[in-house]
Amino acid sequence: MISTITSKGQLTLPKEIRRILNLHSGNKVEFILDADGNVKMVPIKASIKEIKGIVPKPKKTVGLDDMQDAIEKRASSS
Protein backbone atom coordinates (compact mmCIF):
# COMPACT_ATOMS: atom_id res chain seq x y z
CA MET A 1 0.00 0.00 0.00
CA ILE A 2 1.24 3.47 -0.85
CA SER A 3 0.56 6.83 0.79
CA THR A 4 1.81 10.27 -0.24
CA ILE A 5 3.40 12.75 2.16
CA THR A 6 1.93 16.26 1.94
CA SER A 7 3.96 19.48 1.88
CA LYS A 8 3.27 19.73 5.64
CA GLY A 9 4.82 16.29 6.25
CA GLN A 10 1.46 14.62 6.84
CA LEU A 11 0.26 11.35 5.38
CA THR A 12 -2.98 9.42 5.39
CA LEU A 13 -2.85 5.82 6.53
CA PRO A 14 -4.69 3.63 4.06
CA LYS A 15 -8.15 2.57 5.24
CA GLU A 16 -7.18 -1.12 5.26
CA ILE A 17 -4.21 -0.44 7.61
CA ARG A 18 -6.45 1.62 9.93
CA ARG A 19 -8.99 -1.20 9.94
CA ILE A 20 -6.42 -3.91 10.67
CA LEU A 21 -4.83 -1.89 13.49
CA ASN A 22 -8.22 -0.68 14.76
CA LEU A 23 -7.09 2.95 14.53
CA HIS A 24 -9.56 5.82 14.64
CA SER A 25 -9.41 9.61 14.57
CA GLY A 26 -7.43 10.88 17.55
CA ASN A 27 -5.51 7.62 18.14
CA LYS A 28 -1.75 7.90 18.46
CA VAL A 29 1.01 5.87 16.85
CA GLU A 30 4.72 5.66 17.57
CA PHE A 31 7.39 5.46 14.88
CA ILE A 32 10.44 3.39 15.81
CA LEU A 33 13.66 3.53 13.79
CA ASP A 34 15.71 0.34 14.11
CA ALA A 35 19.47 -0.09 13.66
CA ASP A 36 19.01 -1.08 9.99
CA GLY A 37 17.17 2.16 9.17
CA ASN A 38 13.76 0.49 8.96
CA VAL A 39 10.78 2.28 10.45
CA LYS A 40 8.07 0.48 12.40
CA MET A 41 4.75 2.10 13.23
CA VAL A 42 3.23 0.90 16.48
CA PRO A 43 -0.26 1.91 17.65
CA ILE A 44 -0.34 3.29 21.17
CA LYS A 45 -3.25 1.46 22.74
CA ALA A 46 -3.57 3.22 26.09
CA SER A 47 -2.76 6.64 27.40
CA ILE A 48 -1.11 7.26 30.74
CA LYS A 49 -4.43 8.59 32.03
CA GLU A 50 -6.16 5.34 31.07
CA ILE A 51 -3.67 3.12 32.90
CA LYS A 52 -3.33 5.29 36.02
CA GLY A 53 -4.13 3.27 39.11
CA ILE A 54 -3.54 -0.19 37.63
CA VAL A 55 -0.48 -0.70 39.83
CA PRO A 56 -1.24 0.12 43.45
CA LYS A 57 0.96 2.49 45.42
CA PRO A 58 3.55 0.64 47.51
CA LYS A 59 2.80 0.31 51.21
CA LYS A 60 6.31 1.48 52.03
CA THR A 61 8.41 3.88 49.99
CA VAL A 62 11.88 2.70 49.04
CA GLY A 63 14.82 5.06 48.72
CA LEU A 64 17.75 4.83 46.33
CA ASP A 65 20.06 3.54 49.07
CA ASP A 66 17.60 0.71 49.85
CA MET A 67 17.45 -0.20 46.15
CA GLN A 68 21.24 -0.20 45.86
CA ASP A 69 21.54 -2.40 48.97
CA ALA A 70 19.02 -4.89 47.54
CA ILE A 71 20.89 -5.01 44.21
CA GLU A 72 24.24 -5.59 45.92
CA LYS A 73 22.76 -8.26 48.21
CA ARG A 74 21.21 -10.11 45.25
CA ALA A 75 24.42 -9.83 43.20
CA SER A 76 26.54 -11.23 46.02
CA SER A 77 24.21 -14.20 46.51
CA SER A 78 24.55 -15.34 42.87
PDB file of N, CA and C in Angstrom:
ATOM      1  N   MET A   1       0.836  -1.168   0.000  1.00  0.00           N
ATOM      2  CA  MET A   1       0.000   0.000   0.000  1.00  0.00           C
ATOM      3  C   MET A   1       0.887   1.239   0.000  1.00  0.00           C
ATOM      4  N   ILE A   2       0.449   2.246  -0.698  1.00  0.00           N
ATOM      5  CA  ILE A   2       1.240   3.471  -0.848  1.00  0.00           C
ATOM      6  C   ILE A   2       0.446   4.657  -0.318  1.00  0.00           C
ATOM      7  N   SER A   3       1.148   5.586   0.320  1.00  0.00           N
ATOM      8  CA  SER A   3       0.561   6.829   0.792  1.00  0.00           C
ATOM      9  C   SER A   3       1.521   7.957   0.442  1.00  0.00           C
ATOM     10  N   THR A   4       0.989   9.122   0.161  1.00  0.00           N
ATOM     11  CA  THR A   4       1.806  10.269  -0.240  1.00  0.00           C
ATOM     12  C   THR A   4       1.942  11.250   0.913  1.00  0.00           C
ATOM     13  N   ILE A   5       3.147  11.757   1.115  1.00  0.00           N
ATOM     14  CA  ILE A   5       3.400  12.751   2.160  1.00  0.00           C
ATOM     15  C   ILE A   5       3.067  14.127   1.600  1.00  0.00           C
ATOM     16  N   THR A   6       2.302  14.915   2.372  1.00  0.00           N
ATOM     17  CA  THR A   6       1.933  16.261   1.938  1.00  0.00           C
ATOM     18  C   THR A   6       3.093  17.230   2.167  1.00  0.00           C
ATOM     19  N   SER A   7       2.928  18.462   1.694  1.00  0.00           N
ATOM     20  CA  SER A   7       3.957  19.484   1.881  1.00  0.00           C
ATOM     21  C   SER A   7       4.154  19.817   3.359  1.00  0.00           C
ATOM     22  N   LYS A   8       3.158  19.506   4.195  1.00  0.00           N
ATOM     23  CA  LYS A   8       3.269  19.734   5.639  1.00  0.00           C
ATOM     24  C   LYS A   8       3.845  18.532   6.372  1.00  0.00           C
ATOM     25  N   GLY A   9       4.240  17.481   5.635  1.00  0.00           N
ATOM     26  CA  GLY A   9       4.819  16.295   6.254  1.00  0.00           C
ATOM     27  C   GLY A   9       3.778  15.320   6.763  1.00  0.00           C
ATOM     28  N   GLN A  10       2.537  15.501   6.386  1.00  0.00           N
ATOM     29  CA  GLN A  10       1.459  14.622   6.837  1.00  0.00           C
ATOM     30  C   GLN A  10       1.220  13.524   5.813  1.00  0.00           C
ATOM     31  N   LEU A  11       0.668  12.409   6.293  1.00  0.00           N
ATOM     32  CA  LEU A  11       0.260  11.353   5.379  1.00  0.00           C
ATOM     33  C   LEU A  11      -1.013  10.720   5.903  1.00  0.00           C
ATOM     34  N   THR A  12      -1.752  10.107   5.015  1.00  0.00           N
ATOM     35  CA  THR A  12      -2.975   9.416   5.394  1.00  0.00           C
ATOM     36  C   THR A  12      -2.701   7.931   5.374  1.00  0.00           C
ATOM     37  N   LEU A  13      -3.000   7.278   6.492  1.00  0.00           N
ATOM     38  CA  LEU A  13      -2.852   5.822   6.527  1.00  0.00           C
ATOM     39  C   LEU A  13      -3.971   5.214   5.697  1.00  0.00           C
ATOM     40  N   PRO A  14      -3.640   4.273   4.850  1.00  0.00           N
ATOM     41  CA  PRO A  14      -4.687   3.633   4.060  1.00  0.00           C
ATOM     42  C   PRO A  14      -5.769   3.015   4.956  1.00  0.00           C
ATOM     43  N   LYS A  15      -7.001   3.055   4.469  1.00  0.00           N
ATOM     44  CA  LYS A  15      -8.146   2.570   5.238  1.00  0.00           C
ATOM     45  C   LYS A  15      -7.946   1.138   5.726  1.00  0.00           C
ATOM     46  N   GLU A  16      -7.376   0.282   4.890  1.00  0.00           N
ATOM     47  CA  GLU A  16      -7.176  -1.121   5.265  1.00  0.00           C
ATOM     48  C   GLU A  16      -6.218  -1.245   6.455  1.00  0.00           C
ATOM     49  N   ILE A  17      -5.158  -0.426   6.481  1.00  0.00           N
ATOM     50  CA  ILE A  17      -4.213  -0.437   7.610  1.00  0.00           C
ATOM     51  C   ILE A  17      -4.929   0.032   8.869  1.00  0.00           C
ATOM     52  N   ARG A  18      -5.707   1.120   8.760  1.00  0.00           N
ATOM     53  CA  ARG A  18      -6.453   1.621   9.927  1.00  0.00           C
ATOM     54  C   ARG A  18      -7.419   0.564  10.442  1.00  0.00           C
ATOM     55  N   ARG A  19      -8.048  -0.158   9.532  1.00  0.00           N
ATOM     56  CA  ARG A  19      -8.994  -1.196   9.937  1.00  0.00           C
ATOM     57  C   ARG A  19      -8.280  -2.337  10.654  1.00  0.00           C
ATOM     58  N   ILE A  20      -7.177  -2.799  10.082  1.00  0.00           N
ATOM     59  CA  ILE A  20      -6.423  -3.913  10.669  1.00  0.00           C
ATOM     60  C   ILE A  20      -5.902  -3.550  12.061  1.00  0.00           C
ATOM     61  N   LEU A  21      -5.399  -2.324  12.211  1.00  0.00           N
ATOM     62  CA  LEU A  21      -4.828  -1.890  13.487  1.00  0.00           C
ATOM     63  C   LEU A  21      -5.866  -1.285  14.434  1.00  0.00           C
ATOM     64  N   ASN A  22      -7.129  -1.249  13.964  1.00  0.00           N
ATOM     65  CA  ASN A  22      -8.221  -0.683  14.761  1.00  0.00           C
ATOM     66  C   ASN A  22      -7.898   0.742  15.202  1.00  0.00           C
ATOM     67  N   LEU A  23      -7.438   1.554  14.257  1.00  0.00           N
ATOM     68  CA  LEU A  23      -7.090   2.945  14.527  1.00  0.00           C
ATOM     69  C   LEU A  23      -8.240   3.851  14.100  1.00  0.00           C
ATOM     70  N   HIS A  24      -8.493   4.875  14.920  1.00  0.00           N
ATOM     71  CA  HIS A  24      -9.564   5.823  14.643  1.00  0.00           C
ATOM     72  C   HIS A  24      -9.027   7.236  14.847  1.00  0.00           C
ATOM     73  N   SER A  25      -9.802   8.212  14.430  1.00  0.00           N
ATOM     74  CA  SER A  25      -9.415   9.608  14.569  1.00  0.00           C
ATOM     75  C   SER A  25      -9.034   9.898  16.020  1.00  0.00           C
ATOM     76  N   GLY A  26      -7.898  10.534  16.205  1.00  0.00           N
ATOM     77  CA  GLY A  26      -7.426  10.876  17.546  1.00  0.00           C
ATOM     78  C   GLY A  26      -6.502   9.851  18.177  1.00  0.00           C
ATOM     79  N   ASN A  27      -6.453   8.621  17.622  1.00  0.00           N
ATOM     80  CA  ASN A  27      -5.515   7.619  18.141  1.00  0.00           C
ATOM     81  C   ASN A  27      -4.092   8.068  17.863  1.00  0.00           C
ATOM     82  N   LYS A  28      -3.157   7.557  18.641  1.00  0.00           N
ATOM     83  CA  LYS A  28      -1.750   7.901  18.457  1.00  0.00           C
ATOM     84  C   LYS A  28      -0.968   6.670  18.021  1.00  0.00           C
ATOM     85  N   VAL A  29       0.094   6.926  17.271  1.00  0.00           N
ATOM     86  CA  VAL A  29       1.010   5.870  16.850  1.00  0.00           C
ATOM     87  C   VAL A  29       2.425   6.327  17.160  1.00  0.00           C
ATOM     88  N   GLU A  30       3.309   5.367  17.331  1.00  0.00           N
ATOM     89  CA  GLU A  30       4.725   5.662  17.571  1.00  0.00           C
ATOM     90  C   GLU A  30       5.521   5.124  16.398  1.00  0.00           C
ATOM     91  N   PHE A  31       6.495   5.905  15.934  1.00  0.00           N
ATOM     92  CA  PHE A  31       7.387   5.463  14.877  1.00  0.00           C
ATOM     93  C   PHE A  31       8.718   5.095  15.508  1.00  0.00           C
ATOM     94  N   ILE A  32       9.201   3.897  15.222  1.00  0.00           N
ATOM     95  CA  ILE A  32      10.436   3.392  15.808  1.00  0.00           C
ATOM     96  C   ILE A  32      11.424   3.131  14.681  1.00  0.00           C
ATOM     97  N   LEU A  33      12.605   3.728  14.773  1.00  0.00           N
ATOM     98  CA  LEU A  33      13.660   3.533  13.786  1.00  0.00           C
ATOM     99  C   LEU A  33      14.630   2.500  14.331  1.00  0.00           C
ATOM    100  N   ASP A  34      14.797   1.374  13.621  1.00  0.00           N
ATOM    101  CA  ASP A  34      15.710   0.337  14.112  1.00  0.00           C
ATOM    102  C   ASP A  34      17.122   0.570  13.581  1.00  0.00           C
ATOM    103  N   ALA A  35      18.048  -0.254  13.995  1.00  0.00           N
ATOM    104  CA  ALA A  35      19.465  -0.089  13.658  1.00  0.00           C
ATOM    105  C   ALA A  35      19.719  -0.211  12.158  1.00  0.00           C
ATOM    106  N   ASP A  36      18.846  -0.906  11.432  1.00  0.00           N
ATOM    107  CA  ASP A  36      19.012  -1.082   9.987  1.00  0.00           C
ATOM    108  C   ASP A  36      18.393   0.052   9.182  1.00  0.00           C
ATOM    109  N   GLY A  37      17.799   1.036   9.860  1.00  0.00           N
ATOM    110  CA  GLY A  37      17.173   2.158   9.170  1.00  0.00           C
ATOM    111  C   GLY A  37      15.727   1.897   8.778  1.00  0.00           C
ATOM    112  N   ASN A  38      15.164   0.789   9.233  1.00  0.00           N
ATOM    113  CA  ASN A  38      13.761   0.487   8.959  1.00  0.00           C
ATOM    114  C   ASN A  38      12.889   1.182   9.991  1.00  0.00           C
ATOM    115  N   VAL A  39      11.710   1.601   9.564  1.00  0.00           N
ATOM    116  CA  VAL A  39      10.781   2.279  10.452  1.00  0.00           C
ATOM    117  C   VAL A  39       9.598   1.362  10.733  1.00  0.00           C
ATOM    118  N   LYS A  40       9.253   1.246  12.003  1.00  0.00           N
ATOM    119  CA  LYS A  40       8.070   0.483  12.402  1.00  0.00           C
ATOM    120  C   LYS A  40       7.073   1.458  12.999  1.00  0.00           C
ATOM    121  N   MET A  41       5.806   1.287  12.665  1.00  0.00           N
ATOM    122  CA  MET A  41       4.752   2.099  13.228  1.00  0.00           C
ATOM    123  C   MET A  41       3.972   1.229  14.204  1.00  0.00           C
ATOM    124  N   VAL A  42       3.878   1.684  15.446  1.00  0.00           N
ATOM    125  CA  VAL A  42       3.225   0.899  16.484  1.00  0.00           C
ATOM    126  C   VAL A  42       2.073   1.715  17.062  1.00  0.00           C
ATOM    127  N   PRO A  43       0.848   1.176  17.039  1.00  0.00           N
ATOM    128  CA  PRO A  43      -0.258   1.907  17.654  1.00  0.00           C
ATOM    129  C   PRO A  43      -0.078   1.983  19.166  1.00  0.00           C
ATOM    130  N   ILE A  44      -0.374   3.132  19.718  1.00  0.00           N
ATOM    131  CA  ILE A  44      -0.340   3.291  21.174  1.00  0.00           C
ATOM    132  C   ILE A  44      -1.758   3.021  21.649  1.00  0.00           C
ATOM    133  N   LYS A  45      -1.914   1.941  22.373  1.00  0.00           N
ATOM    134  CA  LYS A  45      -3.250   1.460  22.735  1.00  0.00           C
ATOM    135  C   LYS A  45      -3.841   2.148  23.960  1.00  0.00           C
ATOM    136  N   ALA A  46      -3.021   2.614  24.881  1.00  0.00           N
ATOM    137  CA  ALA A  46      -3.566   3.223  26.091  1.00  0.00           C
ATOM    138  C   ALA A  46      -2.759   4.455  26.462  1.00  0.00           C
ATOM    139  N   SER A  47      -3.450   5.444  26.938  1.00  0.00           N
ATOM    140  CA  SER A  47      -2.756   6.643  27.404  1.00  0.00           C
ATOM    141  C   SER A  47      -2.380   6.461  28.869  1.00  0.00           C
ATOM    142  N   ILE A  48      -1.511   7.296  29.338  1.00  0.00           N
ATOM    143  CA  ILE A  48      -1.112   7.255  30.745  1.00  0.00           C
ATOM    144  C   ILE A  48      -2.335   7.451  31.640  1.00  0.00           C
ATOM    145  N   LYS A  49      -3.227   8.341  31.235  1.00  0.00           N
ATOM    146  CA  LYS A  49      -4.427   8.590  32.030  1.00  0.00           C
ATOM    147  C   LYS A  49      -5.287   7.336  32.138  1.00  0.00           C
ATOM    148  N   GLU A  50      -5.333   6.537  31.063  1.00  0.00           N
ATOM    149  CA  GLU A  50      -6.159   5.335  31.069  1.00  0.00           C
ATOM    150  C   GLU A  50      -5.588   4.232  31.954  1.00  0.00           C
ATOM    151  N   ILE A  51      -4.261   4.200  32.119  1.00  0.00           N
ATOM    152  CA  ILE A  51      -3.668   3.118  32.903  1.00  0.00           C
ATOM    153  C   ILE A  51      -3.331   3.534  34.339  1.00  0.00           C
ATOM    154  N   LYS A  52      -3.586   4.804  34.655  1.00  0.00           N
ATOM    155  CA  LYS A  52      -3.326   5.291  36.020  1.00  0.00           C
ATOM    156  C   LYS A  52      -4.123   4.459  37.014  1.00  0.00           C
ATOM    157  N   GLY A  53      -3.452   4.004  38.058  1.00  0.00           N
ATOM    158  CA  GLY A  53      -4.126   3.268  39.112  1.00  0.00           C
ATOM    159  C   GLY A  53      -4.105   1.759  38.947  1.00  0.00           C
ATOM    160  N   ILE A  54      -3.595   1.262  37.832  1.00  0.00           N
ATOM    161  CA  ILE A  54      -3.541  -0.188  37.627  1.00  0.00           C
ATOM    162  C   ILE A  54      -2.591  -0.826  38.634  1.00  0.00           C
ATOM    163  N   VAL A  55      -1.450  -0.201  38.849  1.00  0.00           N
ATOM    164  CA  VAL A  55      -0.476  -0.700  39.828  1.00  0.00           C
ATOM    165  C   VAL A  55      -0.690   0.088  41.116  1.00  0.00           C
ATOM    166  N   PRO A  56      -0.979  -0.601  42.203  1.00  0.00           N
ATOM    167  CA  PRO A  56      -1.237   0.118  43.454  1.00  0.00           C
ATOM    168  C   PRO A  56       0.025   0.783  43.995  1.00  0.00           C
ATOM    169  N   LYS A  57      -0.179   1.830  44.779  1.00  0.00           N
ATOM    170  CA  LYS A  57       0.961   2.485  45.424  1.00  0.00           C
ATOM    171  C   LYS A  57       1.582   1.516  46.416  1.00  0.00           C
ATOM    172  N   PRO A  58       2.914   1.540  46.536  1.00  0.00           N
ATOM    173  CA  PRO A  58       3.554   0.644  47.507  1.00  0.00           C
ATOM    174  C   PRO A  58       3.179   1.043  48.931  1.00  0.00           C
ATOM    175  N   LYS A  59       3.131   0.043  49.810  1.00  0.00           N
ATOM    176  CA  LYS A  59       2.797   0.309  51.213  1.00  0.00           C
ATOM    177  C   LYS A  59       3.924   1.074  51.892  1.00  0.00           C
ATOM    178  N   LYS A  60       5.145   0.820  51.436  1.00  0.00           N
ATOM    179  CA  LYS A  60       6.315   1.475  52.027  1.00  0.00           C
ATOM    180  C   LYS A  60       7.151   2.050  50.886  1.00  0.00           C
ATOM    181  N   THR A  61       7.550   3.302  51.008  1.00  0.00           N
ATOM    182  CA  THR A  61       8.408   3.882  49.986  1.00  0.00           C
ATOM    183  C   THR A  61       9.825   3.336  50.143  1.00  0.00           C
ATOM    184  N   VAL A  62      10.516   3.238  49.039  1.00  0.00           N
ATOM    185  CA  VAL A  62      11.877   2.700  49.038  1.00  0.00           C
ATOM    186  C   VAL A  62      12.793   3.765  48.460  1.00  0.00           C
ATOM    187  N   GLY A  63      13.869   4.059  49.181  1.00  0.00           N
ATOM    188  CA  GLY A  63      14.820   5.055  48.720  1.00  0.00           C
ATOM    189  C   GLY A  63      15.893   4.442  47.822  1.00  0.00           C
ATOM    190  N   LEU A  64      16.685   5.291  47.229  1.00  0.00           N
ATOM    191  CA  LEU A  64      17.748   4.828  46.330  1.00  0.00           C
ATOM    192  C   LEU A  64      18.774   3.968  47.069  1.00  0.00           C
ATOM    193  N   ASP A  65      19.097   4.335  48.303  1.00  0.00           N
ATOM    194  CA  ASP A  65      20.061   3.540  49.074  1.00  0.00           C
ATOM    195  C   ASP A  65      19.521   2.129  49.324  1.00  0.00           C
ATOM    196  N   ASP A  66      18.220   2.024  49.636  1.00  0.00           N
ATOM    197  CA  ASP A  66      17.603   0.714  49.846  1.00  0.00           C
ATOM    198  C   ASP A  66      17.659  -0.128  48.569  1.00  0.00           C
ATOM    199  N   MET A  67      17.387   0.524  47.435  1.00  0.00           N
ATOM    200  CA  MET A  67      17.448  -0.202  46.154  1.00  0.00           C
ATOM    201  C   MET A  67      18.853  -0.694  45.872  1.00  0.00           C
ATOM    202  N   GLN A  68      19.849   0.171  46.104  1.00  0.00           N
ATOM    203  CA  GLN A  68      21.237  -0.205  45.864  1.00  0.00           C
ATOM    204  C   GLN A  68      21.647  -1.364  46.765  1.00  0.00           C
ATOM    205  N   ASP A  69      21.233  -1.313  48.033  1.00  0.00           N
ATOM    206  CA  ASP A  69      21.543  -2.400  48.969  1.00  0.00           C
ATOM    207  C   ASP A  69      20.932  -3.721  48.491  1.00  0.00           C
ATOM    208  N   ALA A  70      19.690  -3.676  48.028  1.00  0.00           N
ATOM    209  CA  ALA A  70      19.018  -4.888  47.544  1.00  0.00           C
ATOM    210  C   ALA A  70      19.730  -5.448  46.313  1.00  0.00           C
ATOM    211  N   ILE A  71      20.169  -4.569  45.420  1.00  0.00           N
ATOM    212  CA  ILE A  71      20.890  -5.006  44.214  1.00  0.00           C
ATOM    213  C   ILE A  71      22.201  -5.671  44.601  1.00  0.00           C
ATOM    214  N   GLU A  72      22.947  -5.035  45.496  1.00  0.00           N
ATOM    215  CA  GLU A  72      24.235  -5.588  45.922  1.00  0.00           C
ATOM    216  C   GLU A  72      24.045  -6.915  46.645  1.00  0.00           C
ATOM    217  N   LYS A  73      23.031  -7.012  47.493  1.00  0.00           N
ATOM    218  CA  LYS A  73      22.757  -8.259  48.207  1.00  0.00           C
ATOM    219  C   LYS A  73      22.434  -9.371  47.236  1.00  0.00           C
ATOM    220  N   ARG A  74      21.591  -9.099  46.246  1.00  0.00           N
ATOM    221  CA  ARG A  74      21.214 -10.110  45.253  1.00  0.00           C
ATOM    222  C   ARG A  74      22.430 -10.501  44.395  1.00  0.00           C
ATOM    223  N   ALA A  75      23.243  -9.531  44.025  1.00  0.00           N
ATOM    224  CA  ALA A  75      24.421  -9.827  43.197  1.00  0.00           C
ATOM    225  C   ALA A  75      25.419 -10.688  43.953  1.00  0.00           C
ATOM    226  N   SER A  76      25.564 -10.449  45.244  1.00  0.00           N
ATOM    227  CA  SER A  76      26.543 -11.234  46.016  1.00  0.00           C
ATOM    228  C   SER A  76      26.044 -12.643  46.308  1.00  0.00           C
ATOM    229  N   SER A  77      24.737 -12.866  46.234  1.00  0.00           N
ATOM    230  CA  SER A  77      24.206 -14.201  46.509  1.00  0.00           C
ATOM    231  C   SER A  77      24.194 -15.102  45.274  1.00  0.00           C
ATOM    232  N   SER A  78      24.546 -14.544  44.117  1.00  0.00           N
ATOM    233  CA  SER A  78      24.553 -15.336  42.870  1.00  0.00           C
ATOM    234  C   SER A  78      25.812 -16.147  42.724  1.00  0.00           C
TER     235      SER A  78
END
